[in-house]
Amino acid sequence: MRLLKKIHLLLIAFLIINSLSAQEKPSSTKEVVSGKINGATISINYGSPSVRAREIWGKLVPFNQVWRAGANDATTFETDKELTIDGSKLPAGKYSFFIIPNEKECIIIFNKEAKQWGAYKYKEKEDQLRVTVKQQIAKSATEKLVYTIDKNNIALSWDNWSIPISVQ
């Protein structure tokens, strides 16, 4: 009977330790960045993956395919006022945010279907706005994907690319 109790306690201890070690921090953390441009409050919610010694542009993120612009859930972009994005109007609202990268430029997509997981159910007919921008080669690599909101620009930085988007 004593041996059975010891085995039972060892099994419980093993299960507790195993479940605690399984609670690792996810490799792609959820992030939010907010800021103001010309009086409009902008909020971007995204999953922030790491490079982790992988080739990103053209490999992990294939060229000429719709990408969720982050990890896990589709990235969302929300504004409380109408904005001008690279010369085109974007009404106030919440959008899923996608990018179609290629070697020379990126197509930026604001899609009316804000709640999506990845880009698996992306529908072009739901696009509110598409603009084309040129990415820049960054001076230094960015390990974790990050969005920044400046005076009149939003940028996605990851690995050796920065993708600036003019906002007014």
N, C-alpha and C. Protein backbone atom coordinates (compact mmCIF):
# COMPACT_ATOMS: atom_id res chain seq x y z
N MET A 1 0.82 -1.20 0.00
CA MET A 1 0.00 0.00 0.00
C MET A 1 0.86 1.27 0.00
N ARG A 2 1.95 1.23 0.80
CA ARG A 2 2.84 2.38 0.85
C ARG A 2 3.49 2.65 -0.50
N LEU A 3 3.90 1.62 -1.16
CA LEU A 3 4.53 1.76 -2.48
C LEU A 3 3.55 2.36 -3.47
N LEU A 4 2.31 1.96 -3.40
CA LEU A 4 1.28 2.51 -4.28
C LEU A 4 1.08 4.00 -4.05
N LYS A 5 1.11 4.45 -2.79
CA LYS A 5 0.98 5.87 -2.47
C LYS A 5 2.17 6.66 -3.02
N LYS A 6 3.38 6.11 -2.89
CA LYS A 6 4.58 6.78 -3.39
C LYS A 6 4.53 6.92 -4.91
N ILE A 7 4.10 5.86 -5.57
CA ILE A 7 3.98 5.91 -7.03
C ILE A 7 2.94 6.94 -7.44
N HIS A 8 1.83 6.96 -6.71
CA HIS A 8 0.77 7.92 -7.00
C HIS A 8 1.27 9.37 -6.82
N LEU A 9 1.99 9.65 -5.72
CA LEU A 9 2.54 10.99 -5.47
C LEU A 9 3.58 11.36 -6.54
N LEU A 10 4.42 10.42 -6.92
CA LEU A 10 5.40 10.68 -7.97
C LEU A 10 4.72 11.01 -9.30
N LEU A 11 3.67 10.30 -9.61
CA LEU A 11 2.93 10.56 -10.84
C LEU A 11 2.30 11.94 -10.82
N ILE A 12 1.71 12.33 -9.70
CA ILE A 12 1.11 13.67 -9.58
C ILE A 12 2.18 14.74 -9.71
N ALA A 13 3.32 14.56 -9.03
CA ALA A 13 4.41 15.54 -9.11
C ALA A 13 4.91 15.65 -10.55
N PHE A 14 5.07 14.53 -11.22
CA PHE A 14 5.51 14.54 -12.62
C PHE A 14 4.53 15.30 -13.51
N LEU A 15 3.24 15.07 -13.33
CA LEU A 15 2.23 15.77 -14.14
C LEU A 15 2.23 17.27 -13.87
N ILE A 16 2.38 17.67 -12.62
CA ILE A 16 2.41 19.10 -12.30
C ILE A 16 3.64 19.76 -12.93
N ILE A 17 4.80 19.15 -12.76
CA ILE A 17 6.04 19.72 -13.33
C ILE A 17 5.94 19.77 -14.85
N ASN A 18 5.41 18.73 -15.45
CA ASN A 18 5.27 18.69 -16.90
C ASN A 18 4.33 19.78 -17.41
N SER A 19 3.22 19.99 -16.73
CA SER A 19 2.27 21.02 -17.18
C SER A 19 2.85 22.42 -16.99
N LEU A 20 3.62 22.64 -15.93
CA LEU A 20 4.24 23.96 -15.72
C LEU A 20 5.28 24.25 -16.78
N SER A 21 6.08 23.27 -17.16
CA SER A 21 7.10 23.50 -18.17
C SER A 21 6.49 23.66 -19.56
N ALA A 22 5.28 23.18 -19.75
CA ALA A 22 4.60 23.33 -21.04
C ALA A 22 4.03 24.73 -21.23
N GLN A 23 4.03 25.55 -20.19
CA GLN A 23 3.45 26.89 -20.26
C GLN A 23 4.47 27.91 -20.74
N GLU A 24 5.25 27.57 -21.75
CA GLU A 24 6.25 28.49 -22.29
C GLU A 24 5.58 29.69 -22.95
N LYS A 25 6.33 30.77 -22.97
CA LYS A 25 5.86 31.98 -23.65
C LYS A 25 5.78 31.67 -25.15
N PRO A 26 4.68 32.06 -25.82
CA PRO A 26 4.58 31.78 -27.25
C PRO A 26 5.68 32.50 -28.02
N SER A 27 6.13 31.88 -29.10
CA SER A 27 7.22 32.48 -29.87
C SER A 27 6.77 33.73 -30.62
N SER A 28 5.49 33.86 -30.90
CA SER A 28 4.95 35.06 -31.55
C SER A 28 4.00 35.74 -30.57
N THR A 29 4.49 36.78 -29.92
CA THR A 29 3.70 37.46 -28.90
C THR A 29 2.69 38.41 -29.53
N LYS A 30 1.59 38.64 -28.81
CA LYS A 30 0.58 39.62 -29.25
C LYS A 30 1.06 40.99 -28.85
N GLU A 31 0.97 41.93 -29.78
CA GLU A 31 1.43 43.30 -29.55
C GLU A 31 0.38 44.29 -30.01
N VAL A 32 0.41 45.49 -29.45
CA VAL A 32 -0.46 46.59 -29.86
C VAL A 32 0.38 47.85 -29.89
N VAL A 33 0.24 48.62 -30.96
CA VAL A 33 0.87 49.94 -31.02
C VAL A 33 -0.23 50.94 -31.35
N SER A 34 -0.20 52.08 -30.66
CA SER A 34 -1.19 53.13 -30.90
C SER A 34 -0.47 54.46 -31.05
N GLY A 35 -1.10 55.35 -31.79
CA GLY A 35 -0.54 56.68 -31.95
C GLY A 35 -1.52 57.58 -32.65
N LYS A 36 -1.14 58.84 -32.81
CA LYS A 36 -2.00 59.83 -33.48
C LYS A 36 -1.27 60.38 -34.69
N ILE A 37 -2.03 60.51 -35.77
CA ILE A 37 -1.55 61.19 -36.98
C ILE A 37 -2.65 62.15 -37.40
N ASN A 38 -2.34 63.43 -37.47
CA ASN A 38 -3.29 64.48 -37.85
C ASN A 38 -4.62 64.38 -37.08
N GLY A 39 -4.54 64.12 -35.79
CA GLY A 39 -5.73 64.07 -34.95
C GLY A 39 -6.47 62.75 -34.96
N ALA A 40 -6.07 61.82 -35.80
CA ALA A 40 -6.71 60.49 -35.84
C ALA A 40 -5.95 59.54 -34.93
N THR A 41 -6.69 58.81 -34.11
CA THR A 41 -6.08 57.78 -33.27
C THR A 41 -6.01 56.49 -34.07
N ILE A 42 -4.82 55.93 -34.15
CA ILE A 42 -4.57 54.70 -34.91
C ILE A 42 -4.10 53.63 -33.95
N SER A 43 -4.63 52.42 -34.12
CA SER A 43 -4.23 51.28 -33.30
C SER A 43 -3.97 50.08 -34.21
N ILE A 44 -2.84 49.43 -34.02
CA ILE A 44 -2.48 48.25 -34.80
C ILE A 44 -2.27 47.09 -33.82
N ASN A 45 -3.04 46.02 -34.01
CA ASN A 45 -2.92 44.80 -33.20
C ASN A 45 -2.31 43.72 -34.08
N TYR A 46 -1.24 43.09 -33.60
CA TYR A 46 -0.55 42.12 -34.43
C TYR A 46 0.18 41.07 -33.60
N GLY A 47 0.46 39.96 -34.24
CA GLY A 47 1.34 38.95 -33.65
C GLY A 47 2.75 39.26 -34.12
N SER A 48 3.72 39.22 -33.19
CA SER A 48 5.09 39.61 -33.50
C SER A 48 6.02 38.40 -33.54
N PRO A 49 6.21 37.81 -34.73
CA PRO A 49 7.12 36.66 -34.83
C PRO A 49 8.58 37.11 -34.79
N SER A 50 9.46 36.17 -34.51
CA SER A 50 10.90 36.42 -34.52
C SER A 50 11.52 35.81 -35.77
N VAL A 51 12.65 36.35 -36.16
CA VAL A 51 13.38 35.82 -37.31
C VAL A 51 13.91 34.43 -36.99
N ARG A 52 14.53 34.26 -35.84
CA ARG A 52 15.11 32.98 -35.38
C ARG A 52 15.94 32.30 -36.46
N ALA A 53 16.84 33.05 -37.08
CA ALA A 53 17.79 32.53 -38.07
C ALA A 53 17.11 31.97 -39.33
N ARG A 54 15.89 32.40 -39.60
CA ARG A 54 15.19 31.94 -40.81
C ARG A 54 15.30 33.01 -41.90
N GLU A 55 15.19 32.58 -43.14
CA GLU A 55 15.14 33.53 -44.25
C GLU A 55 13.68 33.97 -44.38
N ILE A 56 13.42 35.28 -44.23
CA ILE A 56 12.06 35.78 -44.14
C ILE A 56 11.47 36.10 -45.51
N TRP A 57 11.97 37.14 -46.15
CA TRP A 57 11.36 37.68 -47.37
C TRP A 57 11.65 36.79 -48.57
N GLY A 58 10.58 36.28 -49.15
CA GLY A 58 10.69 35.38 -50.29
C GLY A 58 10.71 33.91 -49.91
N LYS A 59 10.86 33.61 -48.63
CA LYS A 59 10.88 32.21 -48.15
C LYS A 59 9.75 31.99 -47.14
N LEU A 60 9.99 32.37 -45.87
CA LEU A 60 8.94 32.22 -44.85
C LEU A 60 7.71 33.04 -45.25
N VAL A 61 7.93 34.26 -45.72
CA VAL A 61 6.87 35.11 -46.27
C VAL A 61 7.08 35.10 -47.79
N PRO A 62 6.32 34.26 -48.51
CA PRO A 62 6.53 34.13 -49.96
C PRO A 62 6.22 35.42 -50.71
N PHE A 63 6.96 35.65 -51.77
CA PHE A 63 6.68 36.78 -52.65
C PHE A 63 5.39 36.52 -53.42
N ASN A 64 4.68 37.62 -53.73
CA ASN A 64 3.48 37.61 -54.57
C ASN A 64 2.31 36.81 -54.00
N GLN A 65 2.27 36.69 -52.66
CA GLN A 65 1.14 36.04 -51.99
C GLN A 65 0.67 36.92 -50.84
N VAL A 66 -0.63 36.87 -50.56
CA VAL A 66 -1.19 37.64 -49.45
C VAL A 66 -0.62 37.10 -48.14
N TRP A 67 -0.10 38.03 -47.32
CA TRP A 67 0.47 37.69 -46.02
C TRP A 67 -0.25 38.49 -44.94
N ARG A 68 -0.50 37.90 -43.81
CA ARG A 68 -1.26 38.50 -42.71
C ARG A 68 -0.54 39.64 -42.00
N ALA A 69 0.67 39.95 -42.39
CA ALA A 69 1.46 41.07 -41.84
C ALA A 69 1.72 40.93 -40.35
N GLY A 70 1.93 39.72 -39.93
CA GLY A 70 2.21 39.39 -38.54
C GLY A 70 2.09 37.89 -38.36
N ALA A 71 1.71 37.46 -37.17
CA ALA A 71 1.57 36.03 -36.90
C ALA A 71 0.19 35.74 -36.32
N ASN A 72 -0.27 34.53 -36.52
CA ASN A 72 -1.54 34.03 -35.97
C ASN A 72 -2.74 34.79 -36.54
N ASP A 73 -3.50 35.51 -35.70
CA ASP A 73 -4.65 36.27 -36.22
C ASP A 73 -4.15 37.29 -37.25
N ALA A 74 -5.01 37.64 -38.17
CA ALA A 74 -4.65 38.71 -39.10
C ALA A 74 -4.40 39.99 -38.31
N THR A 75 -3.44 40.76 -38.74
CA THR A 75 -3.17 42.06 -38.14
C THR A 75 -4.38 42.95 -38.35
N THR A 76 -4.74 43.75 -37.34
CA THR A 76 -5.85 44.70 -37.52
C THR A 76 -5.33 46.12 -37.40
N PHE A 77 -5.96 46.98 -38.17
CA PHE A 77 -5.63 48.41 -38.23
C PHE A 77 -6.93 49.15 -37.96
N GLU A 78 -6.92 50.02 -36.95
CA GLU A 78 -8.13 50.75 -36.60
C GLU A 78 -7.83 52.24 -36.52
N THR A 79 -8.75 53.04 -37.10
CA THR A 79 -8.64 54.49 -37.03
C THR A 79 -10.01 55.08 -36.70
N ASP A 80 -10.01 56.14 -35.90
CA ASP A 80 -11.28 56.77 -35.53
C ASP A 80 -11.66 57.92 -36.47
N LYS A 81 -10.78 58.23 -37.45
CA LYS A 81 -11.07 59.27 -38.43
C LYS A 81 -10.58 58.83 -39.79
N GLU A 82 -11.14 59.43 -40.83
CA GLU A 82 -10.68 59.15 -42.19
C GLU A 82 -9.21 59.53 -42.32
N LEU A 83 -8.46 58.69 -43.03
CA LEU A 83 -7.05 58.94 -43.28
C LEU A 83 -6.78 58.95 -44.78
N THR A 84 -5.67 59.54 -45.16
CA THR A 84 -5.18 59.44 -46.53
C THR A 84 -3.93 58.58 -46.48
N ILE A 85 -4.00 57.42 -47.12
CA ILE A 85 -2.91 56.46 -47.14
C ILE A 85 -2.26 56.50 -48.52
N ASP A 86 -1.03 56.99 -48.58
CA ASP A 86 -0.31 57.12 -49.85
C ASP A 86 -1.21 57.75 -50.94
N GLY A 87 -1.94 58.78 -50.57
CA GLY A 87 -2.75 59.54 -51.53
C GLY A 87 -4.17 59.04 -51.72
N SER A 88 -4.56 57.93 -51.08
CA SER A 88 -5.92 57.39 -51.22
C SER A 88 -6.65 57.43 -49.89
N LYS A 89 -7.96 57.69 -49.94
CA LYS A 89 -8.77 57.83 -48.73
C LYS A 89 -9.10 56.46 -48.11
N LEU A 90 -8.97 56.40 -46.78
CA LEU A 90 -9.38 55.23 -46.00
C LEU A 90 -10.37 55.72 -44.95
N PRO A 91 -11.64 55.30 -45.03
CA PRO A 91 -12.63 55.74 -44.04
C PRO A 91 -12.28 55.25 -42.62
N ALA A 92 -12.79 55.95 -41.62
CA ALA A 92 -12.63 55.50 -40.24
C ALA A 92 -13.20 54.09 -40.13
N GLY A 93 -12.57 53.26 -39.30
CA GLY A 93 -13.06 51.91 -39.11
C GLY A 93 -11.96 50.97 -38.69
N LYS A 94 -12.33 49.70 -38.59
CA LYS A 94 -11.38 48.64 -38.22
C LYS A 94 -11.23 47.70 -39.41
N TYR A 95 -9.99 47.41 -39.77
CA TYR A 95 -9.69 46.63 -40.96
C TYR A 95 -8.68 45.53 -40.63
N SER A 96 -8.74 44.43 -41.36
CA SER A 96 -7.61 43.51 -41.34
C SER A 96 -6.58 44.11 -42.29
N PHE A 97 -5.34 43.85 -42.01
CA PHE A 97 -4.23 44.49 -42.71
C PHE A 97 -3.34 43.41 -43.30
N PHE A 98 -3.20 43.41 -44.62
CA PHE A 98 -2.40 42.40 -45.31
C PHE A 98 -1.36 43.07 -46.18
N ILE A 99 -0.35 42.30 -46.55
CA ILE A 99 0.70 42.78 -47.45
C ILE A 99 0.98 41.69 -48.47
N ILE A 100 1.16 42.11 -49.73
CA ILE A 100 1.66 41.21 -50.76
C ILE A 100 3.06 41.72 -51.12
N PRO A 101 4.10 41.08 -50.57
CA PRO A 101 5.46 41.55 -50.85
C PRO A 101 6.01 40.95 -52.14
N ASN A 102 6.91 41.67 -52.76
CA ASN A 102 7.75 41.09 -53.81
C ASN A 102 9.12 41.75 -53.74
N GLU A 103 10.00 41.44 -54.65
CA GLU A 103 11.38 41.91 -54.57
C GLU A 103 11.50 43.43 -54.63
N LYS A 104 10.57 44.11 -55.32
CA LYS A 104 10.71 45.55 -55.57
C LYS A 104 9.72 46.43 -54.82
N GLU A 105 8.54 45.90 -54.49
CA GLU A 105 7.52 46.73 -53.84
C GLU A 105 6.54 45.84 -53.09
N CYS A 106 5.68 46.48 -52.31
CA CYS A 106 4.68 45.75 -51.52
C CYS A 106 3.31 46.36 -51.75
N ILE A 107 2.32 45.52 -51.89
CA ILE A 107 0.93 45.97 -51.96
C ILE A 107 0.37 45.90 -50.55
N ILE A 108 -0.10 47.04 -50.07
CA ILE A 108 -0.68 47.16 -48.73
C ILE A 108 -2.19 47.07 -48.88
N ILE A 109 -2.82 46.22 -48.08
CA ILE A 109 -4.26 45.95 -48.20
C ILE A 109 -4.97 46.23 -46.88
N PHE A 110 -6.02 47.02 -46.94
CA PHE A 110 -6.93 47.24 -45.82
C PHE A 110 -8.23 46.54 -46.19
N ASN A 111 -8.57 45.48 -45.48
CA ASN A 111 -9.70 44.63 -45.81
C ASN A 111 -10.82 44.83 -44.79
N LYS A 112 -12.06 44.94 -45.27
CA LYS A 112 -13.22 45.24 -44.40
C LYS A 112 -13.55 44.12 -43.43
N GLU A 113 -13.09 42.90 -43.67
CA GLU A 113 -13.35 41.77 -42.77
C GLU A 113 -12.26 41.76 -41.70
N ALA A 114 -12.49 42.45 -40.58
CA ALA A 114 -11.45 42.66 -39.58
C ALA A 114 -11.10 41.40 -38.79
N LYS A 115 -12.05 40.54 -38.54
CA LYS A 115 -11.81 39.35 -37.71
C LYS A 115 -11.49 38.16 -38.60
N GLN A 116 -10.19 37.86 -38.73
CA GLN A 116 -9.75 36.72 -39.54
C GLN A 116 -8.57 36.06 -38.84
N TRP A 117 -8.39 34.77 -39.10
CA TRP A 117 -7.20 34.10 -38.61
C TRP A 117 -6.29 33.91 -39.81
N GLY A 118 -5.14 34.53 -39.75
CA GLY A 118 -4.22 34.43 -40.88
C GLY A 118 -4.80 35.08 -42.11
N ALA A 119 -4.42 34.56 -43.26
CA ALA A 119 -4.94 35.06 -44.54
C ALA A 119 -5.69 33.96 -45.27
N TYR A 120 -6.08 32.93 -44.54
CA TYR A 120 -6.67 31.75 -45.17
C TYR A 120 -8.03 32.01 -45.80
N LYS A 121 -8.82 32.90 -45.21
CA LYS A 121 -10.15 33.18 -45.75
C LYS A 121 -10.22 34.60 -46.33
N TYR A 122 -9.05 35.15 -46.65
CA TYR A 122 -8.99 36.49 -47.24
C TYR A 122 -9.78 36.52 -48.55
N LYS A 123 -10.58 37.58 -48.71
CA LYS A 123 -11.35 37.77 -49.95
C LYS A 123 -11.05 39.15 -50.51
N GLU A 124 -10.51 39.19 -51.69
CA GLU A 124 -10.15 40.45 -52.33
C GLU A 124 -11.35 41.37 -52.48
N LYS A 125 -12.54 40.81 -52.71
CA LYS A 125 -13.73 41.65 -52.89
C LYS A 125 -14.08 42.45 -51.64
N GLU A 126 -13.51 42.09 -50.48
CA GLU A 126 -13.73 42.82 -49.24
C GLU A 126 -12.69 43.92 -49.00
N ASP A 127 -11.79 44.12 -49.95
CA ASP A 127 -10.77 45.15 -49.77
C ASP A 127 -11.40 46.54 -49.78
N GLN A 128 -11.04 47.34 -48.80
CA GLN A 128 -11.46 48.74 -48.76
C GLN A 128 -10.46 49.58 -49.54
N LEU A 129 -9.16 49.23 -49.43
CA LEU A 129 -8.12 50.03 -50.06
C LEU A 129 -6.89 49.18 -50.30
N ARG A 130 -6.25 49.43 -51.44
CA ARG A 130 -4.95 48.85 -51.77
C ARG A 130 -4.04 49.96 -52.23
N VAL A 131 -2.83 50.00 -51.71
CA VAL A 131 -1.82 50.95 -52.17
C VAL A 131 -0.51 50.19 -52.35
N THR A 132 0.35 50.71 -53.19
CA THR A 132 1.64 50.08 -53.44
C THR A 132 2.74 50.99 -52.89
N VAL A 133 3.63 50.41 -52.11
CA VAL A 133 4.75 51.15 -51.52
C VAL A 133 6.05 50.40 -51.79
N LYS A 134 7.16 51.11 -51.67
CA LYS A 134 8.47 50.48 -51.84
C LYS A 134 9.09 50.24 -50.47
N GLN A 135 9.49 48.99 -50.25
CA GLN A 135 10.18 48.68 -49.01
C GLN A 135 11.60 49.24 -49.06
N GLN A 136 12.21 49.35 -47.89
CA GLN A 136 13.58 49.83 -47.77
C GLN A 136 14.41 48.76 -47.08
N ILE A 137 15.67 48.68 -47.46
CA ILE A 137 16.58 47.79 -46.75
C ILE A 137 17.01 48.53 -45.49
N ALA A 138 16.82 47.90 -44.35
CA ALA A 138 17.12 48.52 -43.06
C ALA A 138 18.63 48.54 -42.81
N LYS A 139 19.06 49.53 -42.02
CA LYS A 139 20.48 49.64 -41.66
C LYS A 139 20.91 48.50 -40.75
N SER A 140 19.98 48.03 -39.92
CA SER A 140 20.27 46.89 -39.06
C SER A 140 19.03 45.99 -39.02
N ALA A 141 19.25 44.73 -38.78
CA ALA A 141 18.16 43.75 -38.77
C ALA A 141 17.31 43.90 -37.52
N THR A 142 16.00 43.65 -37.66
CA THR A 142 15.04 43.67 -36.55
C THR A 142 14.60 42.24 -36.30
N GLU A 143 14.94 41.69 -35.12
CA GLU A 143 14.64 40.29 -34.81
C GLU A 143 13.14 40.03 -34.71
N LYS A 144 12.42 40.84 -33.93
CA LYS A 144 10.97 40.67 -33.78
C LYS A 144 10.24 41.70 -34.61
N LEU A 145 9.23 41.25 -35.35
CA LEU A 145 8.43 42.16 -36.16
C LEU A 145 7.85 43.26 -35.28
N VAL A 146 7.94 44.50 -35.76
CA VAL A 146 7.42 45.63 -34.99
C VAL A 146 6.80 46.66 -35.94
N TYR A 147 5.69 47.25 -35.49
CA TYR A 147 5.07 48.38 -36.18
C TYR A 147 5.39 49.64 -35.40
N THR A 148 5.63 50.73 -36.12
CA THR A 148 5.81 52.03 -35.48
C THR A 148 4.87 53.03 -36.14
N ILE A 149 4.41 53.98 -35.33
CA ILE A 149 3.56 55.06 -35.83
C ILE A 149 4.29 56.36 -35.52
N ASP A 150 4.62 57.11 -36.56
CA ASP A 150 5.32 58.38 -36.41
C ASP A 150 4.40 59.52 -36.81
N LYS A 151 4.97 60.71 -36.98
CA LYS A 151 4.20 61.92 -37.27
C LYS A 151 3.27 61.76 -38.47
N ASN A 152 3.73 61.21 -39.58
CA ASN A 152 2.87 60.99 -40.75
C ASN A 152 3.30 59.76 -41.53
N ASN A 153 3.56 58.68 -40.76
CA ASN A 153 4.02 57.47 -41.39
C ASN A 153 3.83 56.30 -40.43
N ILE A 154 3.51 55.16 -41.00
CA ILE A 154 3.46 53.90 -40.27
C ILE A 154 4.49 53.01 -40.93
N ALA A 155 5.21 52.23 -40.14
CA ALA A 155 6.21 51.34 -40.73
C ALA A 155 6.16 49.97 -40.07
N LEU A 156 6.34 48.95 -40.88
CA LEU A 156 6.55 47.59 -40.41
C LEU A 156 8.03 47.32 -40.59
N SER A 157 8.69 46.88 -39.54
CA SER A 157 10.11 46.51 -39.62
C SER A 157 10.27 45.07 -39.17
N TRP A 158 10.98 44.31 -39.99
CA TRP A 158 11.27 42.92 -39.64
C TRP A 158 12.41 42.43 -40.49
N ASP A 159 13.31 41.72 -39.87
CA ASP A 159 14.51 41.23 -40.52
C ASP A 159 15.26 42.43 -41.11
N ASN A 160 15.54 42.40 -42.39
CA ASN A 160 16.31 43.50 -43.00
C ASN A 160 15.44 44.46 -43.81
N TRP A 161 14.11 44.40 -43.65
CA TRP A 161 13.21 45.29 -44.38
C TRP A 161 12.49 46.24 -43.44
N SER A 162 12.22 47.41 -43.97
CA SER A 162 11.29 48.35 -43.36
C SER A 162 10.29 48.71 -44.46
N ILE A 163 9.01 48.64 -44.14
CA ILE A 163 7.96 48.94 -45.12
C ILE A 163 7.22 50.19 -44.63
N PRO A 164 7.59 51.36 -45.15
CA PRO A 164 6.96 52.60 -44.71
C PRO A 164 5.66 52.87 -45.49
N ILE A 165 4.68 53.42 -44.78
CA ILE A 165 3.39 53.76 -45.40
C ILE A 165 3.08 55.19 -45.01
N SER A 166 2.93 56.04 -46.00
CA SER A 166 2.62 57.45 -45.76
C SER A 166 1.16 57.61 -45.32
N VAL A 167 0.95 58.36 -44.22
CA VAL A 167 -0.40 58.57 -43.68
C VAL A 167 -0.59 60.05 -43.40
N GLN A 168 -1.76 60.60 -43.86
CA GLN A 168 -2.10 61.98 -43.57
C GLN A 168 -3.54 62.08 -43.14
